[in-house]
């Protein structure tokens, strides 16, 4: 049941700085290793994800899904930490609802529907998003005042079923020159499969 409500969020660190995963948590569902040799039912604790490094110009994929035999999806969040300036520079919050109707995408962490709580137990996921009820959503933001930018590509937003694969591109102003990856901001098309690094237990 809940295992079919999944997402794989690929963090594309397109900056020239290393980043670390911080503050990983989930309100519904669980994290899992995005590795074809490890079943989705194998759970990773948030503490297992925290402090995972994402070197400059590399990618890391984080998986989340609902729990087996549970009529719920998954909802959670994590931040990206810059060890050079010792600051949180980007935020990602996801919600993959359990067979829920469409919803909308919000992009401001202080005004996002996610800020009011919610989850993926039916009424929760996206429940405050314009009064449209539950559904898949992904919320991203960055510390733009310090030159950081973030956007997402792909994902099954506004539709039923799993949120699926989403790429979240993170870049610092001035680092994007010569980088051909992820240049289409808010691109809706599914990106092509490419060789990538997976988070493994």
Foldseek 3Di string as FASTA:
>chain_A
DFQQAKAKEKEFQLAQAKKWKADKDWPFFAKDWPDPVDDSQDGDHSVNRGRHIAHHRAMEIIMTTGHPPAQWTIWIKIFIAGPVVGDTWKIKIWARARQAAAADEDEDPVPDPCVVPFHHNFQGARVVGVNPGHHTYMYMDGPVVQFKDKAKEEFDHRHGTYRYYMYIYIYGPPSCPPPPPPPDHHYHDDDDDDDHDIDDD
